[in-house]
């Protein structure tokens, strides 16, 4: 595998995210982690987007020639909740916890 090949899953995940989230900014926050601030139509349709995202991700993985080309994306979607979030960091922490739970469940299904 060349150095370039190692970036394919990250690029694939970024492309998948940007394909689905037309109304929201996508930020790469490090390595293979991305954050999205859902806005407008993306926010209103977050549950349906999550379901579609999972299905298309499975199709892309199935079509990939090599395992390292398969974008494995774990998702954690939360909304700001003034009853438990005192700052944006609290919201991010909850999203991170949700994402790790999603990742755990996906690994258990393999």
Protein backbone atom coordinates (compact mmCIF):
# COMPACT_ATOMS: atom_id res chain seq x y z
CA UNK A 1 0.00 0.00 0.00
CA UNK A 2 1.39 3.41 -0.88
CA UNK A 3 1.19 6.44 1.35
CA UNK A 4 -1.47 7.85 -0.96
CA UNK A 5 -3.67 4.76 -0.51
CA UNK A 6 -3.85 5.34 3.26
CA UNK A 7 -5.77 8.56 2.66
CA UNK A 8 -8.52 6.94 0.60
CA UNK A 9 -10.80 6.02 3.51
CA UNK A 10 -10.58 9.56 4.92
CA UNK A 11 -11.30 11.06 1.51
CA UNK A 12 -14.14 8.60 0.99
CA UNK A 13 -15.68 9.48 4.35
CA UNK A 14 -15.33 13.21 3.65
CA UNK A 15 -16.97 12.79 0.25
CA UNK A 16 -19.80 10.77 1.74
CA UNK A 17 -20.42 13.38 4.44
CA UNK A 18 -20.37 16.29 1.98
CA UNK A 19 -22.66 14.43 -0.43
CA UNK A 20 -25.34 14.13 2.22
CA UNK A 21 -25.02 17.40 4.07
CA UNK A 22 -25.64 20.07 1.49
CA UNK A 23 -26.63 22.82 3.94
CA UNK A 24 -24.09 22.35 6.72
CA UNK A 25 -20.38 23.04 7.16
CA UNK A 26 -18.12 20.00 7.55
CA UNK A 27 -14.89 20.34 9.53
CA UNK A 28 -12.03 17.87 9.72
CA UNK A 29 -11.01 18.07 13.36
CA UNK A 30 -8.11 15.64 13.22
CA UNK A 31 -7.01 12.40 11.64
CA UNK A 32 -10.18 10.66 10.59
CA UNK A 33 -12.58 12.71 12.70
CA UNK A 34 -15.05 15.20 11.31
CA UNK A 35 -17.55 17.51 12.93
CA UNK A 36 -20.65 18.89 11.27
CA UNK A 37 -22.89 21.64 12.53
CA UNK A 38 -26.26 20.71 11.11
CA UNK A 39 -28.13 23.68 9.74
CA UNK A 40 -31.42 24.40 8.05
CA UNK A 41 -32.82 21.46 6.08
CA UNK A 42 -30.04 19.14 7.26
CA UNK A 43 -30.97 19.81 10.89
CA UNK A 44 -34.69 19.36 10.27
CA UNK A 45 -34.09 16.07 8.42
CA UNK A 46 -31.33 14.72 10.68
CA UNK A 47 -33.02 11.39 11.46
CA UNK A 48 -33.74 10.59 7.81
CA UNK A 49 -30.23 11.73 6.81
CA UNK A 50 -28.72 9.45 9.44
CA UNK A 51 -30.65 6.45 8.10
CA UNK A 52 -29.77 7.23 4.47
CA UNK A 53 -26.15 7.86 5.40
CA UNK A 54 -25.89 4.42 6.97
CA UNK A 55 -27.39 2.70 3.91
CA UNK A 56 -25.22 4.50 1.36
CA UNK A 57 -22.15 3.87 3.52
CA UNK A 58 -22.90 0.13 3.41
CA UNK A 59 -23.28 0.26 -0.38
CA UNK A 60 -19.97 2.10 -0.79
CA UNK A 61 -18.19 -0.40 1.44
CA UNK A 62 -19.65 -3.31 -0.49
CA UNK A 63 -18.51 -1.82 -3.81
CA UNK A 64 -14.93 -1.08 -2.68
CA UNK A 65 -12.28 -3.32 -4.22
CA UNK A 66 -10.09 -3.33 -1.11
CA UNK A 67 -10.97 -3.23 2.56
CA UNK A 68 -8.81 -0.15 3.19
CA UNK A 69 -10.90 1.75 0.63
CA UNK A 70 -14.07 1.27 2.67
CA UNK A 71 -15.12 4.39 4.56
CA UNK A 72 -16.27 3.23 8.00
CA UNK A 73 -18.18 6.11 9.50
CA UNK A 74 -19.49 6.24 13.04
CA UNK A 75 -22.05 8.91 13.75
CA UNK A 76 -23.05 10.80 16.87
CA UNK A 77 -25.90 13.25 16.40
CA UNK A 78 -27.12 15.39 19.26
CA UNK A 79 -28.84 18.74 19.58
CA UNK A 80 -27.93 21.45 22.05
CA UNK A 81 -29.95 20.88 25.20
CA UNK A 82 -30.04 23.81 27.63
CA UNK A 83 -31.11 21.49 30.46
CA UNK A 84 -27.78 19.62 30.42
CA UNK A 85 -25.40 21.63 28.20
CA UNK A 86 -23.73 24.58 29.85
CA UNK A 87 -21.41 25.13 26.88
CA UNK A 88 -20.78 23.93 23.35
CA UNK A 89 -18.16 21.58 24.83
CA UNK A 90 -20.93 19.72 26.66
CA UNK A 91 -22.80 19.23 23.39
CA UNK A 92 -19.62 18.02 21.68
CA UNK A 93 -18.92 15.60 24.55
CA UNK A 94 -22.41 14.11 24.22
CA UNK A 95 -22.02 13.79 20.44
CA UNK A 96 -18.66 12.08 20.96
CA UNK A 97 -20.21 9.62 23.43
CA UNK A 98 -23.01 8.89 20.96
CA UNK A 99 -20.48 8.37 18.16
CA UNK A 100 -18.45 5.88 20.23
CA UNK A 101 -21.62 3.96 21.06
CA UNK A 102 -22.45 3.84 17.33
CA UNK A 103 -18.92 2.61 16.62
CA UNK A 104 -19.21 -0.09 19.30
CA UNK A 105 -22.51 -1.32 17.85
CA UNK A 106 -21.13 -1.40 14.29
CA UNK A 107 -18.11 -3.44 15.41
CA UNK A 108 -20.38 -5.88 17.24
CA UNK A 109 -22.37 -6.43 14.03
CA UNK A 110 -19.29 -7.40 11.94
